[in-house]
C-alpha atoms as a PDB file:
ATOM      1  CA  MET A   1       0.000   0.000   0.000  1.00  0.00           C
ATOM      2  CA  PHE A   2       2.877   2.274   0.850  1.00  0.00           C
ATOM      3  CA  ALA A   3       4.382   1.641  -2.569  1.00  0.00           C
ATOM      4  CA  VAL A   4       1.128   2.587  -4.313  1.00  0.00           C
ATOM      5  CA  ARG A   5       0.951   5.868  -2.391  1.00  0.00           C
ATOM      6  CA  ALA A   6       4.526   6.658  -3.197  1.00  0.00           C
ATOM      7  CA  ILE A   7       3.917   6.055  -6.907  1.00  0.00           C
ATOM      8  CA  LEU A   8       0.801   8.250  -6.867  1.00  0.00           C
ATOM      9  CA  LEU A   9       2.668  11.023  -5.064  1.00  0.00           C
ATOM     10  CA  ALA A  10       5.487  10.785  -7.582  1.00  0.00           C
ATOM     11  CA  LEU A  11       3.001  11.040 -10.458  1.00  0.00           C
ATOM     12  CA  VAL A  12       1.377  14.147  -8.931  1.00  0.00           C
ATOM     13  CA  VAL A  13       4.741  15.855  -8.361  1.00  0.00           C
ATOM     14  CA  TRP A  14       5.978  14.846 -11.808  1.00  0.00           C
ATOM     15  CA  THR A  15       2.753  16.137 -13.487  1.00  0.00           C
ATOM     16  CA  ALA A  16       2.897  19.457 -11.610  1.00  0.00           C
ATOM     17  CA  ALA A  17       6.485  19.978 -12.695  1.00  0.00           C
ATOM     18  CA  TRP A  18       5.518  20.217 -16.359  1.00  0.00           C
ATOM     19  CA  PRO A  19       4.696  23.787 -17.452  1.00  0.00           C
ATOM     20  CA  ALA A  20       1.118  24.492 -18.513  1.00  0.00           C
ATOM     21  CA  VAL A  21       0.507  24.909 -22.219  1.00  0.00           C
ATOM     22  CA  ALA A  22      -1.318  28.106 -23.293  1.00  0.00           C
ATOM     23  CA  GLN A  23      -2.475  29.394 -26.611  1.00  0.00           C
ATOM     24  CA  THR A  24      -3.699  32.930 -27.324  1.00  0.00           C
ATOM     25  CA  SER A  25      -5.901  34.182 -30.083  1.00  0.00           C
ATOM     26  CA  THR A  26      -7.072  37.639 -31.093  1.00  0.00           C
ATOM     27  CA  ALA A  27     -10.660  38.704 -31.879  1.00  0.00           C
ATOM     28  CA  THR A  28     -11.833  41.988 -33.378  1.00  0.00           C
ATOM     29  CA  LEU A  29     -14.746  43.789 -31.765  1.00  0.00           C
ATOM     30  CA  SER A  30     -16.818  46.200 -33.833  1.00  0.00           C
ATOM     31  CA  ALA A  31     -19.771  48.396 -32.821  1.00  0.00           C
ATOM     32  CA  ASP A  32     -21.570  50.286 -35.583  1.00  0.00           C
ATOM     33  CA  ILE A  33     -22.925  53.559 -34.151  1.00  0.00           C
ATOM     34  CA  ARG A  34     -24.838  55.661 -36.669  1.00  0.00           C
ATOM     35  CA  PRO A  35     -26.430  59.104 -36.375  1.00  0.00           C
ATOM     36  CA  LEU A  36     -29.823  58.948 -34.705  1.00  0.00           C
ATOM     37  CA  ALA A  37     -32.366  61.540 -33.577  1.00  0.00           C
ATOM     38  CA  LYS A  38     -35.367  61.212 -31.274  1.00  0.00           C
ATOM     39  CA  LEU A  39     -37.769  64.048 -30.504  1.00  0.00           C
ATOM     40  CA  THR A  40     -40.423  64.062 -27.776  1.00  0.00           C
ATOM     41  CA  LEU A  41     -43.021  66.816 -27.323  1.00  0.00           C
ATOM     42  CA  SER A  42     -45.212  66.957 -24.211  1.00  0.00           C
ATOM     43  CA  THR A  43     -48.300  67.584 -26.350  1.00  0.00           C
ATOM     44  CA  SER A  44     -49.406  67.150 -29.938  1.00  0.00           C
ATOM     45  CA  SER A  45     -52.164  69.742 -29.804  1.00  0.00           C
ATOM     46  CA  VAL A  46     -51.963  73.454 -29.000  1.00  0.00           C
ATOM     47  CA  SER A  47     -54.866  75.861 -28.688  1.00  0.00           C
ATOM     48  CA  PHE A  48     -55.336  79.494 -27.720  1.00  0.00           C
ATOM     49  CA  PRO A  49     -58.320  80.877 -25.813  1.00  0.00           C
ATOM     50  CA  ASP A  50     -60.230  83.922 -27.018  1.00  0.00           C
ATOM     51  CA  ALA A  51     -59.194  87.141 -25.276  1.00  0.00           C
ATOM     52  CA  ASP A  52     -59.771  90.895 -25.462  1.00  0.00           C
ATOM     53  CA  PRO A  53     -56.906  92.386 -27.549  1.00  0.00           C
ATOM     54  CA  ASP A  54     -56.900  95.536 -25.356  1.00  0.00           C
ATOM     55  CA  ILE A  55     -56.157  93.408 -22.284  1.00  0.00           C
ATOM     56  CA  VAL A  56     -54.098  90.493 -23.696  1.00  0.00           C
ATOM     57  CA  ALA A  57     -51.928  91.415 -26.681  1.00  0.00           C
ATOM     58  CA  GLN A  58     -50.059  88.069 -26.653  1.00  0.00           C
ATOM     59  CA  VAL A  59     -52.284  85.100 -25.754  1.00  0.00           C
ATOM     60  CA  PRO A  60     -50.320  82.165 -24.266  1.00  0.00           C
ATOM     61  CA  ALA A  61     -51.267  78.656 -25.361  1.00  0.00           C
ATOM     62  CA  LEU A  62     -53.605  76.747 -23.077  1.00  0.00           C
ATOM     63  CA  GLY A  63     -51.781  74.114 -21.067  1.00  0.00           C
ATOM     64  CA  GLY A  64     -48.620  76.187 -20.732  1.00  0.00           C
ATOM     65  CA  PRO A  65     -45.278  75.619 -22.412  1.00  0.00           C
ATOM     66  CA  ILE A  66     -44.498  72.573 -24.533  1.00  0.00           C
ATOM     67  CA  THR A  67     -41.752  70.463 -22.949  1.00  0.00           C
ATOM     68  CA  ILE A  68     -39.270  69.362 -25.617  1.00  0.00           C
ATOM     69  CA  ILE A  69     -36.721  66.566 -25.268  1.00  0.00           C
ATOM     70  CA  ALA A  70     -34.296  66.228 -28.166  1.00  0.00           C
ATOM     71  CA  LYS A  71     -31.924  63.253 -28.149  1.00  0.00           C
ATOM     72  CA  SER A  72     -29.202  62.836 -30.728  1.00  0.00           C
ATOM     73  CA  ARG A  73     -26.250  60.702 -31.680  1.00  0.00           C
ATOM     74  CA  ALA A  74     -24.243  62.802 -34.064  1.00  0.00           C
ATOM     75  CA  THR A  75     -20.864  62.917 -35.704  1.00  0.00           C
ATOM     76  CA  ALA A  76     -18.325  64.461 -33.314  1.00  0.00           C
ATOM     77  CA  GLY A  77     -18.479  68.269 -33.540  1.00  0.00           C
ATOM     78  CA  ALA A  78     -21.559  68.239 -35.811  1.00  0.00           C
ATOM     79  CA  GLN A  79     -24.426  70.669 -35.274  1.00  0.00           C
ATOM     80  CA  VAL A  80     -27.708  69.145 -34.104  1.00  0.00           C
ATOM     81  CA  VAL A  81     -30.621  71.382 -35.132  1.00  0.00           C
ATOM     82  CA  LEU A  82     -34.300  71.467 -34.144  1.00  0.00           C
ATOM     83  CA  THR A  83     -36.647  73.442 -36.399  1.00  0.00           C
ATOM     84  CA  VAL A  84     -40.382  74.038 -36.634  1.00  0.00           C
ATOM     85  CA  ALA A  85     -42.359  74.883 -39.749  1.00  0.00           C
ATOM     86  CA  SER A  86     -46.007  75.649 -40.285  1.00  0.00           C
ATOM     87  CA  SER A  87     -47.848  73.722 -42.972  1.00  0.00           C
ATOM     88  CA  ASP A  88     -49.464  77.007 -44.033  1.00  0.00           C
ATOM     89  CA  ASN A  89     -50.734  80.266 -42.589  1.00  0.00           C
ATOM     90  CA  LEU A  90     -53.537  79.891 -40.038  1.00  0.00           C
ATOM     91  CA  ARG A  91     -56.803  79.443 -41.941  1.00  0.00           C
ATOM     92  CA  SER A  92     -60.496  79.542 -41.138  1.00  0.00           C
ATOM     93  CA  GLY A  93     -62.301  78.924 -44.416  1.00  0.00           C
ATOM     94  CA  VAL A  94     -61.087  81.716 -46.700  1.00  0.00           C
ATOM     95  CA  GLN A  95     -59.881  83.872 -43.792  1.00  0.00           C
ATOM     96  CA  VAL A  96     -56.115  83.936 -43.137  1.00  0.00           C
ATOM     97  CA  ILE A  97     -53.870  84.972 -40.252  1.00  0.00           C
ATOM     98  CA  THR A  98     -50.165  84.873 -41.094  1.00  0.00           C
ATOM     99  CA  ALA A  99     -48.156  82.146 -39.384  1.00  0.00           C
ATOM    100  CA  SER A 100     -45.848  84.831 -37.949  1.00  0.00           C
ATOM    101  CA  ALA A 101     -48.694  85.772 -35.564  1.00  0.00           C
ATOM    102  CA  ILE A 102     -47.445  82.770 -33.569  1.00  0.00           C
ATOM    103  CA  THR A 103     -44.256  83.488 -31.652  1.00  0.00           C
ATOM    104  CA  TRP A 104     -42.536  81.701 -28.794  1.00  0.00           C
ATOM    105  CA  THR A 105     -40.187  82.111 -25.909  1.00  0.00           C
ATOM    106  CA  ALA A 106     -37.864  79.265 -25.012  1.00  0.00           C
ATOM    107  CA  THR A 107     -36.010  77.996 -21.981  1.00  0.00           C
ATOM    108  CA  GLY A 108     -33.177  75.483 -21.801  1.00  0.00           C
ATOM    109  CA  ALA A 109     -29.598  75.456 -23.031  1.00  0.00           C
ATOM    110  CA  GLY A 110     -29.470  75.846 -26.814  1.00  0.00           C
ATOM    111  CA  PHE A 111     -33.186  76.644 -27.224  1.00  0.00           C
ATOM    112  CA  VAL A 112     -34.063  79.981 -28.868  1.00  0.00           C
ATOM    113  CA  SER A 113     -37.140  82.215 -29.129  1.00  0.00           C
ATOM    114  CA  GLY A 114     -38.664  82.877 -32.540  1.00  0.00           C
ATOM    115  CA  ALA A 115     -41.667  83.371 -34.798  1.00  0.00           C
ATOM    116  CA  LEU A 116     -43.434  80.789 -36.935  1.00  0.00           C
ATOM    117  CA  SER A 117     -43.156  80.895 -40.728  1.00  0.00           C
ATOM    118  CA  ALA A 118     -45.388  79.309 -43.374  1.00  0.00           C
ATOM    119  CA  THR A 119     -42.529  79.236 -45.889  1.00  0.00           C
ATOM    120  CA  THR A 120     -39.304  78.471 -44.019  1.00  0.00           C
ATOM    121  CA  PRO A 121     -38.414  76.192 -41.101  1.00  0.00           C
ATOM    122  CA  VAL A 122     -37.407  78.277 -38.069  1.00  0.00           C
ATOM    123  CA  MET A 123     -34.772  77.212 -35.550  1.00  0.00           C
ATOM    124  CA  VAL A 124     -36.024  76.174 -32.116  1.00  0.00           C
ATOM    125  CA  GLY A 125     -32.683  74.861 -30.818  1.00  0.00           C
ATOM    126  CA  GLN A 126     -29.113  74.051 -31.777  1.00  0.00           C
ATOM    127  CA  TRP A 127     -26.408  71.995 -30.064  1.00  0.00           C
ATOM    128  CA  THR A 128     -23.023  70.495 -30.819  1.00  0.00           C
ATOM    129  CA  GLY A 129     -22.594  66.724 -30.872  1.00  0.00           C
ATOM    130  CA  SER A 130     -24.434  63.877 -29.216  1.00  0.00           C
ATOM    131  CA  GLY A 131     -26.567  64.281 -26.113  1.00  0.00           C
ATOM    132  CA  THR A 132     -29.975  64.798 -24.566  1.00  0.00           C
ATOM    133  CA  TYR A 133     -31.303  68.349 -24.623  1.00  0.00           C
ATOM    134  CA  ALA A 134     -34.411  69.452 -22.723  1.00  0.00           C
ATOM    135  CA  GLY A 135     -36.264  72.751 -22.772  1.00  0.00           C
ATOM    136  CA  THR A 136     -39.627  74.427 -23.128  1.00  0.00           C
ATOM    137  CA  GLN A 137     -41.379  76.413 -25.825  1.00  0.00           C
ATOM    138  CA  GLN A 138     -44.152  78.799 -24.774  1.00  0.00           C
ATOM    139  CA  LEU A 139     -46.272  79.568 -27.840  1.00  0.00           C
ATOM    140  CA  LEU A 140     -47.969  82.970 -28.006  1.00  0.00           C
ATOM    141  CA  PHE A 141     -50.673  84.246 -30.375  1.00  0.00           C
ATOM    142  CA  ARG A 142     -50.601  87.917 -31.427  1.00  0.00           C
ATOM    143  CA  ASN A 143     -54.136  89.073 -30.609  1.00  0.00           C
ATOM    144  CA  LEU A 144     -55.489  91.819 -32.917  1.00  0.00           C
ATOM    145  CA  TRP A 145     -58.898  93.462 -33.411  1.00  0.00           C
ATOM    146  CA  SER A 146     -58.484  93.142 -37.181  1.00  0.00           C
ATOM    147  CA  TYR A 147     -58.907  89.335 -37.274  1.00  0.00           C
ATOM    148  CA  ALA A 148     -62.161  87.980 -38.711  1.00  0.00           C
ATOM    149  CA  THR A 149     -64.001  85.600 -36.398  1.00  0.00           C
ATOM    150  CA  GLY A 150     -63.469  81.857 -36.870  1.00  0.00           C
ATOM    151  CA  THR A 151     -61.475  78.854 -35.726  1.00  0.00           C
ATOM    152  CA  TYR A 152     -58.066  79.080 -37.364  1.00  0.00           C
ATOM    153  CA  THR A 153     -55.830  76.031 -37.806  1.00  0.00           C
ATOM    154  CA  ALA A 154     -52.438  75.025 -39.136  1.00  0.00           C
ATOM    155  CA  SER A 155     -50.101  72.072 -38.594  1.00  0.00           C
ATOM    156  CA  LEU A 156     -46.666  72.429 -37.041  1.00  0.00           C
ATOM    157  CA  VAL A 157     -43.854  70.157 -38.194  1.00  0.00           C
ATOM    158  CA  TYR A 158     -40.880  69.803 -35.834  1.00  0.00           C
ATOM    159  CA  THR A 159     -37.691  68.369 -37.340  1.00  0.00           C
ATOM    160  CA  LEU A 160     -34.617  67.248 -35.383  1.00  0.00           C
ATOM    161  CA  THR A 161     -31.510  66.744 -37.529  1.00  0.00           C
ATOM    162  CA  ALA A 162     -28.427  64.916 -36.251  1.00  0.00           C
ATOM    163  CA  PRO A 163     -25.803  64.593 -39.004  1.00  0.00           C
END
């Protein structure tokens, strides 16, 4: 029995004395990150109450400011731009109020105040590179006695571009 133990011990010591064999290999990791933009508005409908033009020259939208969250993955150093355009002037049948009667004030880094246009997209915000940008846009309606009565409508198209 002693001889068997001695042989086993010798085998263990002899096996441990041999260096371990190792082999290495290289793998390439690739992640494809492309430009991406995501825009979230707190509401998809804006309305203005009727008001006396002598008392309220600029009527704020019901419901308060629109909260805007713009997320972008962009090329390093590229300008990320948020614009808004009106589909047309505000219309009620044949009656028209120019889109520029809608203005806004903005809060949040990179967000800017402006006036709506029926012909050209207008900047709402601009940033450099990738990130998440949050702000508000308080829409205001220029209230004049000269407007004909009616319910005026137009569509707003917000566009977030991340090159």
